[in-house]
Amino acid sequence: MSMATDYDAPRKNDDDTESIDALKERVPDKLSAAIDVDDADNPGSFELAGQDLADVDLDVVVLPPQADEFTCVSCFLVKHRSQIDHEEKLGFICRECAA
């Protein structure tokens, strides 16, 4: 006859023989640890590989909507008039927003 196994009981094997002092050595000291700051949250620090663009001024020319374009009052994108789905009180709705 076999005995029931208590699966919730802690198990001891040969790998569990590590001492408390050895475990403390593996954990970094909180006071001496340097804070690792991830710059992914800071878009101002974005740099292209190997290029310094600090001195570059970017000139952007903004054109007004052309005669064959409209601004969708739902998504606020400028689109070609062929993309008009319907007109509302405030203006035109594009096909993507109407879908």
PDB file of N, CA and C in Angstrom:
ATOM      1  N   MET A   1       0.833  -1.166   0.000  1.00  0.00           N
ATOM      2  CA  MET A   1       0.000   0.000   0.000  1.00  0.00           C
ATOM      3  C   MET A   1       0.891   1.246   0.000  1.00  0.00           C
ATOM      4  N   SER A   2       0.598   2.265  -0.850  1.00  0.00           N
ATOM      5  CA  SER A   2       1.426   3.466  -0.953  1.00  0.00           C
ATOM      6  C   SER A   2       0.849   4.591  -0.103  1.00  0.00           C
ATOM      7  N   MET A   3       1.729   5.458   0.352  1.00  0.00           N
ATOM      8  CA  MET A   3       1.310   6.579   1.186  1.00  0.00           C
ATOM      9  C   MET A   3       0.949   7.778   0.303  1.00  0.00           C
ATOM     10  N   ALA A   4       0.091   8.598   0.799  1.00  0.00           N
ATOM     11  CA  ALA A   4      -0.277   9.815   0.078  1.00  0.00           C
ATOM     12  C   ALA A   4       0.876  10.802   0.128  1.00  0.00           C
ATOM     13  N   THR A   5       1.051  11.569  -0.928  1.00  0.00           N
ATOM     14  CA  THR A   5       2.126  12.552  -1.006  1.00  0.00           C
ATOM     15  C   THR A   5       1.560  13.943  -0.752  1.00  0.00           C
ATOM     16  N   ASP A   6       2.182  14.649   0.141  1.00  0.00           N
ATOM     17  CA  ASP A   6       1.772  16.020   0.425  1.00  0.00           C
ATOM     18  C   ASP A   6       2.567  16.939  -0.513  1.00  0.00           C
ATOM     19  N   TYR A   7       1.910  17.395  -1.571  1.00  0.00           N
ATOM     20  CA  TYR A   7       2.591  18.219  -2.569  1.00  0.00           C
ATOM     21  C   TYR A   7       2.809  19.651  -2.100  1.00  0.00           C
ATOM     22  N   ASP A   8       2.152  20.073  -1.027  1.00  0.00           N
ATOM     23  CA  ASP A   8       2.330  21.416  -0.500  1.00  0.00           C
ATOM     24  C   ASP A   8       3.497  21.515   0.478  1.00  0.00           C
ATOM     25  N   ALA A   9       4.002  20.396   0.915  1.00  0.00           N
ATOM     26  CA  ALA A   9       5.105  20.399   1.870  1.00  0.00           C
ATOM     27  C   ALA A   9       6.389  20.828   1.157  1.00  0.00           C
ATOM     28  N   PRO A  10       7.235  21.624   1.840  1.00  0.00           N
ATOM     29  CA  PRO A  10       8.502  22.026   1.213  1.00  0.00           C
ATOM     30  C   PRO A  10       9.383  20.810   0.965  1.00  0.00           C
ATOM     31  N   ARG A  11      10.040  20.825  -0.171  1.00  0.00           N
ATOM     32  CA  ARG A  11      10.914  19.710  -0.542  1.00  0.00           C
ATOM     33  C   ARG A  11      12.357  20.117  -0.361  1.00  0.00           C
ATOM     34  N   LYS A  12      13.151  19.193   0.049  1.00  0.00           N
ATOM     35  CA  LYS A  12      14.575  19.444   0.251  1.00  0.00           C
ATOM     36  C   LYS A  12      15.341  18.553  -0.702  1.00  0.00           C
ATOM     37  N   ASN A  13      16.231  19.151  -1.464  1.00  0.00           N
ATOM     38  CA  ASN A  13      17.114  18.350  -2.313  1.00  0.00           C
ATOM     39  C   ASN A  13      18.542  18.865  -2.149  1.00  0.00           C
ATOM     40  N   ASP A  14      19.470  18.293  -2.863  1.00  0.00           N
ATOM     41  CA  ASP A  14      20.878  18.632  -2.698  1.00  0.00           C
ATOM     42  C   ASP A  14      21.195  20.060  -3.132  1.00  0.00           C
ATOM     43  N   ASP A  15      20.380  20.648  -4.017  1.00  0.00           N
ATOM     44  CA  ASP A  15      20.639  22.005  -4.481  1.00  0.00           C
ATOM     45  C   ASP A  15      20.262  23.060  -3.449  1.00  0.00           C
ATOM     46  N   ASP A  16      19.504  22.682  -2.418  1.00  0.00           N
ATOM     47  CA  ASP A  16      19.042  23.633  -1.416  1.00  0.00           C
ATOM     48  C   ASP A  16      20.040  23.819  -0.273  1.00  0.00           C
ATOM     49  N   THR A  17      21.254  23.363  -0.429  1.00  0.00           N
ATOM     50  CA  THR A  17      22.223  23.411   0.663  1.00  0.00           C
ATOM     51  C   THR A  17      22.990  24.726   0.705  1.00  0.00           C
ATOM     52  N   GLU A  18      22.646  25.689  -0.123  1.00  0.00           N
ATOM     53  CA  GLU A  18      23.346  26.969  -0.152  1.00  0.00           C
ATOM     54  C   GLU A  18      23.055  27.742   1.135  1.00  0.00           C
ATOM     55  N   SER A  19      24.088  28.320   1.708  1.00  0.00           N
ATOM     56  CA  SER A  19      23.933  28.984   2.997  1.00  0.00           C
ATOM     57  C   SER A  19      23.330  30.379   2.837  1.00  0.00           C
ATOM     58  N   ILE A  20      22.884  30.935   3.940  1.00  0.00           N
ATOM     59  CA  ILE A  20      22.331  32.293   3.958  1.00  0.00           C
ATOM     60  C   ILE A  20      23.398  33.294   3.532  1.00  0.00           C
ATOM     61  N   ASP A  21      24.633  33.090   3.990  1.00  0.00           N
ATOM     62  CA  ASP A  21      25.714  34.013   3.634  1.00  0.00           C
ATOM     63  C   ASP A  21      25.979  34.004   2.127  1.00  0.00           C
ATOM     64  N   ALA A  22      25.895  32.837   1.517  1.00  0.00           N
ATOM     65  CA  ALA A  22      26.106  32.749   0.080  1.00  0.00           C
ATOM     66  C   ALA A  22      24.988  33.460  -0.671  1.00  0.00           C
ATOM     67  N   LEU A  23      23.765  33.358  -0.169  1.00  0.00           N
ATOM     68  CA  LEU A  23      22.647  34.058  -0.795  1.00  0.00           C
ATOM     69  C   LEU A  23      22.784  35.572  -0.651  1.00  0.00           C
ATOM     70  N   LYS A  24      23.246  36.031   0.496  1.00  0.00           N
ATOM     71  CA  LYS A  24      23.434  37.463   0.710  1.00  0.00           C
ATOM     72  C   LYS A  24      24.495  38.031  -0.223  1.00  0.00           C
ATOM     73  N   GLU A  25      25.510  37.240  -0.532  1.00  0.00           N
ATOM     74  CA  GLU A  25      26.568  37.701  -1.434  1.00  0.00           C
ATOM     75  C   GLU A  25      26.059  37.862  -2.864  1.00  0.00           C
ATOM     76  N   ARG A  26      25.091  37.058  -3.244  1.00  0.00           N
ATOM     77  CA  ARG A  26      24.537  37.146  -4.602  1.00  0.00           C
ATOM     78  C   ARG A  26      23.626  38.350  -4.776  1.00  0.00           C
ATOM     79  N   VAL A  27      23.000  38.818  -3.696  1.00  0.00           N
ATOM     80  CA  VAL A  27      22.100  39.963  -3.762  1.00  0.00           C
ATOM     81  C   VAL A  27      22.933  41.234  -3.690  1.00  0.00           C
ATOM     82  N   PRO A  28      22.766  42.169  -4.638  1.00  0.00           N
ATOM     83  CA  PRO A  28      23.574  43.388  -4.600  1.00  0.00           C
ATOM     84  C   PRO A  28      23.199  44.262  -3.409  1.00  0.00           C
ATOM     85  N   ASP A  29      24.186  44.966  -2.900  1.00  0.00           N
ATOM     86  CA  ASP A  29      23.974  45.876  -1.785  1.00  0.00           C
ATOM     87  C   ASP A  29      23.151  47.061  -2.265  1.00  0.00           C
ATOM     88  N   LYS A  30      22.060  47.367  -1.565  1.00  0.00           N
ATOM     89  CA  LYS A  30      21.150  48.431  -1.984  1.00  0.00           C
ATOM     90  C   LYS A  30      21.816  49.797  -1.958  1.00  0.00           C
ATOM     91  N   LEU A  31      22.743  50.016  -1.039  1.00  0.00           N
ATOM     92  CA  LEU A  31      23.372  51.327  -0.926  1.00  0.00           C
ATOM     93  C   LEU A  31      24.433  51.555  -1.993  1.00  0.00           C
ATOM     94  N   SER A  32      25.079  50.522  -2.453  1.00  0.00           N
ATOM     95  CA  SER A  32      26.156  50.694  -3.421  1.00  0.00           C
ATOM     96  C   SER A  32      25.699  50.487  -4.860  1.00  0.00           C
ATOM     97  N   ALA A  33      24.494  50.064  -5.050  1.00  0.00           N
ATOM     98  CA  ALA A  33      24.014  49.796  -6.409  1.00  0.00           C
ATOM     99  C   ALA A  33      23.743  51.106  -7.137  1.00  0.00           C
ATOM    100  N   ALA A  34      24.189  51.185  -8.369  1.00  0.00           N
ATOM    101  CA  ALA A  34      23.918  52.354  -9.201  1.00  0.00           C
ATOM    102  C   ALA A  34      22.540  52.201  -9.820  1.00  0.00           C
ATOM    103  N   ILE A  35      21.862  53.301  -9.923  1.00  0.00           N
ATOM    104  CA  ILE A  35      20.525  53.270 -10.504  1.00  0.00           C
ATOM    105  C   ILE A  35      20.665  53.200 -12.020  1.00  0.00           C
ATOM    106  N   ASP A  36      20.002  52.224 -12.613  1.00  0.00           N
ATOM    107  CA  ASP A  36      20.033  52.049 -14.061  1.00  0.00           C
ATOM    108  C   ASP A  36      18.864  52.819 -14.651  1.00  0.00           C
ATOM    109  N   VAL A  37      19.150  53.923 -15.309  1.00  0.00           N
ATOM    110  CA  VAL A  37      18.110  54.750 -15.887  1.00  0.00           C
ATOM    111  C   VAL A  37      17.972  54.386 -17.350  1.00  0.00           C
ATOM    112  N   ASP A  38      16.770  54.019 -17.741  1.00  0.00           N
ATOM    113  CA  ASP A  38      16.505  53.655 -19.124  1.00  0.00           C
ATOM    114  C   ASP A  38      16.124  54.907 -19.894  1.00  0.00           C
ATOM    115  N   ASP A  39      16.887  55.228 -20.933  1.00  0.00           N
ATOM    116  CA  ASP A  39      16.629  56.428 -21.713  1.00  0.00           C
ATOM    117  C   ASP A  39      15.524  56.253 -22.733  1.00  0.00           C
ATOM    118  N   ALA A  40      14.883  55.101 -22.779  1.00  0.00           N
ATOM    119  CA  ALA A  40      13.801  54.888 -23.738  1.00  0.00           C
ATOM    120  C   ALA A  40      12.614  55.778 -23.427  1.00  0.00           C
ATOM    121  N   ASP A  41      12.463  56.190 -22.176  1.00  0.00           N
ATOM    122  CA  ASP A  41      11.368  57.067 -21.800  1.00  0.00           C
ATOM    123  C   ASP A  41      11.678  58.531 -22.074  1.00  0.00           C
ATOM    124  N   ASN A  42      12.890  58.817 -22.484  1.00  0.00           N
ATOM    125  CA  ASN A  42      13.309  60.189 -22.727  1.00  0.00           C
ATOM    126  C   ASN A  42      13.614  60.365 -24.213  1.00  0.00           C
ATOM    127  N   PRO A  43      12.620  60.762 -25.016  1.00  0.00           N
ATOM    128  CA  PRO A  43      12.865  60.868 -26.453  1.00  0.00           C
ATOM    129  C   PRO A  43      13.852  61.961 -26.808  1.00  0.00           C
ATOM    130  N   GLY A  44      14.138  62.881 -25.914  1.00  0.00           N
ATOM    131  CA  GLY A  44      15.100  63.936 -26.201  1.00  0.00           C
ATOM    132  C   GLY A  44      16.515  63.419 -26.310  1.00  0.00           C
ATOM    133  N   SER A  45      16.774  62.223 -25.801  1.00  0.00           N
ATOM    134  CA  SER A  45      18.122  61.685 -25.855  1.00  0.00           C
ATOM    135  C   SER A  45      18.323  60.737 -27.031  1.00  0.00           C
ATOM    136  N   PHE A  46      17.391  60.705 -27.954  1.00  0.00           N
ATOM    137  CA  PHE A  46      17.497  59.803 -29.097  1.00  0.00           C
ATOM    138  C   PHE A  46      18.612  60.247 -30.021  1.00  0.00           C
ATOM    139  N   GLU A  47      19.494  59.332 -30.366  1.00  0.00           N
ATOM    140  CA  GLU A  47      20.595  59.637 -31.270  1.00  0.00           C
ATOM    141  C   GLU A  47      20.706  58.548 -32.317  1.00  0.00           C
ATOM    142  N   LEU A  48      21.070  58.954 -33.515  1.00  0.00           N
ATOM    143  CA  LEU A  48      21.347  57.975 -34.551  1.00  0.00           C
ATOM    144  C   LEU A  48      22.736  57.413 -34.307  1.00  0.00           C
ATOM    145  N   ALA A  49      22.930  56.187 -34.686  1.00  0.00           N
ATOM    146  CA  ALA A  49      24.194  55.510 -34.427  1.00  0.00           C
ATOM    147  C   ALA A  49      25.346  56.239 -35.110  1.00  0.00           C
ATOM    148  N   GLY A  50      26.295  56.697 -34.324  1.00  0.00           N
ATOM    149  CA  GLY A  50      27.506  57.283 -34.863  1.00  0.00           C
ATOM    150  C   GLY A  50      27.366  58.693 -35.393  1.00  0.00           C
ATOM    151  N   GLN A  51      26.232  59.346 -35.209  1.00  0.00           N
ATOM    152  CA  GLN A  51      26.070  60.691 -35.755  1.00  0.00           C
ATOM    153  C   GLN A  51      25.697  61.663 -34.650  1.00  0.00           C
ATOM    154  N   ASP A  52      26.339  62.830 -34.686  1.00  0.00           N
ATOM    155  CA  ASP A  52      25.996  63.889 -33.747  1.00  0.00           C
ATOM    156  C   ASP A  52      25.173  64.916 -34.509  1.00  0.00           C
ATOM    157  N   LEU A  53      23.898  65.004 -34.190  1.00  0.00           N
ATOM    158  CA  LEU A  53      22.995  65.910 -34.890  1.00  0.00           C
ATOM    159  C   LEU A  53      22.634  67.127 -34.051  1.00  0.00           C
ATOM    160  N   ALA A  54      23.441  67.431 -33.029  1.00  0.00           N
ATOM    161  CA  ALA A  54      23.123  68.531 -32.133  1.00  0.00           C
ATOM    162  C   ALA A  54      23.167  69.881 -32.838  1.00  0.00           C
ATOM    163  N   ASP A  55      24.001  70.015 -33.854  1.00  0.00           N
ATOM    164  CA  ASP A  55      24.158  71.302 -34.538  1.00  0.00           C
ATOM    165  C   ASP A  55      23.242  71.460 -35.741  1.00  0.00           C
ATOM    166  N   VAL A  56      22.443  70.462 -36.060  1.00  0.00           N
ATOM    167  CA  VAL A  56      21.633  70.473 -37.272  1.00  0.00           C
ATOM    168  C   VAL A  56      20.298  71.160 -36.992  1.00  0.00           C
ATOM    169  N   ASP A  57      19.965  72.134 -37.838  1.00  0.00           N
ATOM    170  CA  ASP A  57      18.652  72.774 -37.777  1.00  0.00           C
ATOM    171  C   ASP A  57      17.781  72.165 -38.860  1.00  0.00           C
ATOM    172  N   LEU A  58      16.604  71.712 -38.472  1.00  0.00           N
ATOM    173  CA  LEU A  58      15.696  71.112 -39.435  1.00  0.00           C
ATOM    174  C   LEU A  58      14.688  72.148 -39.882  1.00  0.00           C
ATOM    175  N   ASP A  59      14.580  72.344 -41.192  1.00  0.00           N
ATOM    176  CA  ASP A  59      13.600  73.251 -41.756  1.00  0.00           C
ATOM    177  C   ASP A  59      12.475  72.434 -42.351  1.00  0.00           C
ATOM    178  N   VAL A  60      11.250  72.703 -41.910  1.00  0.00           N
ATOM    179  CA  VAL A  60      10.089  71.977 -42.395  1.00  0.00           C
ATOM    180  C   VAL A  60       9.150  72.981 -43.043  1.00  0.00           C
ATOM    181  N   VAL A  61       8.738  72.671 -44.265  1.00  0.00           N
ATOM    182  CA  VAL A  61       7.803  73.528 -44.969  1.00  0.00           C
ATOM    183  C   VAL A  61       6.408  72.930 -44.812  1.00  0.00           C
ATOM    184  N   VAL A  62       5.491  73.706 -44.240  1.00  0.00           N
ATOM    185  CA  VAL A  62       4.123  73.248 -44.040  1.00  0.00           C
ATOM    186  C   VAL A  62       3.257  73.892 -45.105  1.00  0.00           C
ATOM    187  N   LEU A  63       2.602  73.048 -45.886  1.00  0.00           N
ATOM    188  CA  LEU A  63       1.725  73.534 -46.944  1.00  0.00           C
ATOM    189  C   LEU A  63       0.286  73.550 -46.455  1.00  0.00           C
ATOM    190  N   PRO A  64      -0.485  74.545 -46.840  1.00  0.00           N
ATOM    191  CA  PRO A  64      -1.912  74.528 -46.488  1.00  0.00           C
ATOM    192  C   PRO A  64      -2.628  73.453 -47.291  1.00  0.00           C
ATOM    193  N   PRO A  65      -3.817  73.043 -46.849  1.00  0.00           N
ATOM    194  CA  PRO A  65      -4.550  72.041 -47.633  1.00  0.00           C
ATOM    195  C   PRO A  65      -4.761  72.520 -49.070  1.00  0.00           C
ATOM    196  N   GLN A  66      -4.550  71.638 -50.002  1.00  0.00           N
ATOM    197  CA  GLN A  66      -4.698  71.965 -51.417  1.00  0.00           C
ATOM    198  C   GLN A  66      -6.168  71.905 -51.813  1.00  0.00           C
ATOM    199  N   ALA A  67      -6.479  72.341 -53.034  1.00  0.00           N
ATOM    200  CA  ALA A  67      -7.868  72.397 -53.501  1.00  0.00           C
ATOM    201  C   ALA A  67      -8.490  71.008 -53.587  1.00  0.00           C
ATOM    202  N   ASP A  68      -7.664  69.966 -53.808  1.00  0.00           N
ATOM    203  CA  ASP A  68      -8.190  68.610 -53.929  1.00  0.00           C
ATOM    204  C   ASP A  68      -8.056  67.821 -52.625  1.00  0.00           C
ATOM    205  N   GLU A  69      -7.874  68.520 -51.496  1.00  0.00           N
ATOM    206  CA  GLU A  69      -7.722  67.866 -50.200  1.00  0.00           C
ATOM    207  C   GLU A  69      -8.765  68.381 -49.213  1.00  0.00           C
ATOM    208  N   PHE A  70      -8.997  67.614 -48.153  1.00  0.00           N
ATOM    209  CA  PHE A  70      -9.881  68.022 -47.076  1.00  0.00           C
ATOM    210  C   PHE A  70      -9.315  67.508 -45.763  1.00  0.00           C
ATOM    211  N   THR A  71      -9.736  68.070 -44.661  1.00  0.00           N
ATOM    212  CA  THR A  71      -9.339  67.607 -43.335  1.00  0.00           C
ATOM    213  C   THR A  71     -10.524  66.901 -42.709  1.00  0.00           C
ATOM    214  N   CYS A  72     -10.344  65.650 -42.370  1.00  0.00           N
ATOM    215  CA  CYS A  72     -11.401  64.855 -41.744  1.00  0.00           C
ATOM    216  C   CYS A  72     -11.674  65.422 -40.348  1.00  0.00           C
ATOM    217  N   VAL A  73     -12.948  65.645 -40.023  1.00  0.00           N
ATOM    218  CA  VAL A  73     -13.297  66.198 -38.711  1.00  0.00           C
ATOM    219  C   VAL A  73     -13.278  65.137 -37.615  1.00  0.00           C
ATOM    220  N   SER A  74     -13.052  63.876 -37.977  1.00  0.00           N
ATOM    221  CA  SER A  74     -12.977  62.813 -36.987  1.00  0.00           C
ATOM    222  C   SER A  74     -11.528  62.498 -36.606  1.00  0.00           C
ATOM    223  N   CYS A  75     -10.664  62.267 -37.601  1.00  0.00           N
ATOM    224  CA  CYS A  75      -9.269  61.907 -37.319  1.00  0.00           C
ATOM    225  C   CYS A  75      -8.301  63.067 -37.530  1.00  0.00           C
ATOM    226  N   PHE A  76      -8.794  64.186 -38.117  1.00  0.00           N
ATOM    227  CA  PHE A  76      -8.015  65.402 -38.340  1.00  0.00           C
ATOM    228  C   PHE A  76      -6.835  65.208 -39.285  1.00  0.00           C
ATOM    229  N   LEU A  77      -6.903  64.205 -40.140  1.00  0.00           N
ATOM    230  CA  LEU A  77      -5.876  64.000 -41.151  1.00  0.00           C
ATOM    231  C   LEU A  77      -6.291  64.674 -42.441  1.00  0.00           C
ATOM    232  N   VAL A  78      -5.303  65.217 -43.160  1.00  0.00           N
ATOM    233  CA  VAL A  78      -5.572  65.810 -44.466  1.00  0.00           C
ATOM    234  C   VAL A  78      -5.535  64.684 -45.492  1.00  0.00           C
ATOM    235  N   LYS A  79      -6.632  64.549 -46.246  1.00  0.00           N
ATOM    236  CA  LYS A  79      -6.751  63.457 -47.213  1.00  0.00           C
ATOM    237  C   LYS A  79      -7.235  63.991 -48.549  1.00  0.00           C
ATOM    238  N   HIS A  80      -7.079  63.184 -49.584  1.00  0.00           N
ATOM    239  CA  HIS A  80      -7.552  63.535 -50.925  1.00  0.00           C
ATOM    240  C   HIS A  80      -9.077  63.487 -50.949  1.00  0.00           C
ATOM    241  N   ARG A  81      -9.673  64.324 -51.762  1.00  0.00           N
ATOM    242  CA  ARG A  81     -11.138  64.407 -51.824  1.00  0.00           C
ATOM    243  C   ARG A  81     -11.778  63.088 -52.247  1.00  0.00           C
ATOM    244  N   SER A  82     -11.054  62.211 -52.872  1.00  0.00           N
ATOM    245  CA  SER A  82     -11.615  60.913 -53.256  1.00  0.00           C
ATOM    246  C   SER A  82     -11.880  60.040 -52.027  1.00  0.00           C
ATOM    247  N   GLN A  83     -11.354  60.432 -50.863  1.00  0.00           N
ATOM    248  CA  GLN A  83     -11.541  59.677 -49.627  1.00  0.00           C
ATOM    249  C   GLN A  83     -12.738  60.160 -48.802  1.00  0.00           C
ATOM    250  N   ILE A  84     -13.500  61.134 -49.310  1.00  0.00           N
ATOM    251  CA  ILE A  84     -14.669  61.629 -48.588  1.00  0.00           C
ATOM    252  C   ILE A  84     -15.754  60.563 -48.578  1.00  0.00           C
ATOM    253  N   ASP A  85     -16.277  60.272 -47.392  1.00  0.00           N
ATOM    254  CA  ASP A  85     -17.393  59.343 -47.275  1.00  0.00           C
ATOM    255  C   ASP A  85     -18.705  60.113 -47.210  1.00  0.00           C
ATOM    256  N   HIS A  86     -18.776  61.081 -46.309  1.00  0.00           N
ATOM    257  CA  HIS A  86     -19.970  61.909 -46.210  1.00  0.00           C
ATOM    258  C   HIS A  86     -19.629  63.221 -45.508  1.00  0.00           C
ATOM    259  N   GLU A  87     -20.582  64.158 -45.560  1.00  0.00           N
ATOM    260  CA  GLU A  87     -20.387  65.457 -44.927  1.00  0.00           C
ATOM    261  C   GLU A  87     -21.320  65.595 -43.735  1.00  0.00           C
ATOM    262  N   GLU A  88     -20.789  66.171 -42.660  1.00  0.00           N
ATOM    263  CA  GLU A  88     -21.590  66.461 -41.476  1.00  0.00           C
ATOM    264  C   GLU A  88     -21.634  67.965 -41.273  1.00  0.00           C
ATOM    265  N   LYS A  89     -22.257  68.400 -40.198  1.00  0.00           N
ATOM    266  CA  LYS A  89     -22.371  69.832 -39.909  1.00  0.00           C
ATOM    267  C   LYS A  89     -21.012  70.512 -39.844  1.00  0.00           C
ATOM    268  N   LEU A  90     -20.046  69.845 -39.205  1.00  0.00           N
ATOM    269  CA  LEU A  90     -18.735  70.445 -38.982  1.00  0.00           C
ATOM    270  C   LEU A  90     -17.773  70.269 -40.145  1.00  0.00           C
ATOM    271  N   GLY A  91     -18.042  69.355 -41.052  1.00  0.00           N
ATOM    272  CA  GLY A  91     -17.136  69.126 -42.173  1.00  0.00           C
ATOM    273  C   GLY A  91     -17.259  67.722 -42.711  1.00  0.00           C
ATOM    274  N   PHE A  92     -16.193  67.287 -43.390  1.00  0.00           N
ATOM    275  CA  PHE A  92     -16.192  65.995 -44.074  1.00  0.00           C
ATOM    276  C   PHE A  92     -15.647  64.886 -43.178  1.00  0.00           C
ATOM    277  N   ILE A  93     -16.148  63.658 -43.413  1.00  0.00           N
ATOM    278  CA  ILE A  93     -15.680  62.456 -42.734  1.00  0.00           C
ATOM    279  C   ILE A  93     -15.034  61.556 -43.794  1.00  0.00           C
ATOM    280  N   CYS A  94     -13.833  61.043 -43.493  1.00  0.00           N
ATOM    281  CA  CYS A  94     -13.152  60.171 -44.459  1.00  0.00           C
ATOM    282  C   CYS A  94     -13.744  58.758 -44.406  1.00  0.00           C
ATOM    283  N   ARG A  95     -13.391  57.966 -45.391  1.00  0.00           N
ATOM    284  CA  ARG A  95     -13.903  56.587 -45.496  1.00  0.00           C
ATOM    285  C   ARG A  95     -13.455  55.714 -44.341  1.00  0.00           C
ATOM    286  N   GLU A  96     -12.210  55.910 -43.881  1.00  0.00           N
ATOM    287  CA  GLU A  96     -11.692  55.089 -42.779  1.00  0.00           C
ATOM    288  C   GLU A  96     -12.454  55.331 -41.488  1.00  0.00           C
ATOM    289  N   CYS A  97     -12.785  56.598 -41.209  1.00  0.00           N
ATOM    290  CA  CYS A  97     -13.512  56.908 -39.979  1.00  0.00           C
ATOM    291  C   CYS A  97     -14.970  56.504 -40.071  1.00  0.00           C
ATOM    292  N   ALA A  98     -15.530  56.499 -41.278  1.00  0.00           N
ATOM    293  CA  ALA A  98     -16.922  56.129 -41.456  1.00  0.00           C
ATOM    294  C   ALA A  98     -17.118  54.619 -41.361  1.00  0.00           C
ATOM    295  N   ALA A  99     -16.046  53.865 -41.571  1.00  0.00           N
ATOM    296  CA  ALA A  99     -16.160  52.390 -41.552  1.00  0.00           C
ATOM    297  C   ALA A  99     -16.370  51.859 -40.159  1.00  0.00           C
TER     298      ALA A  99
END
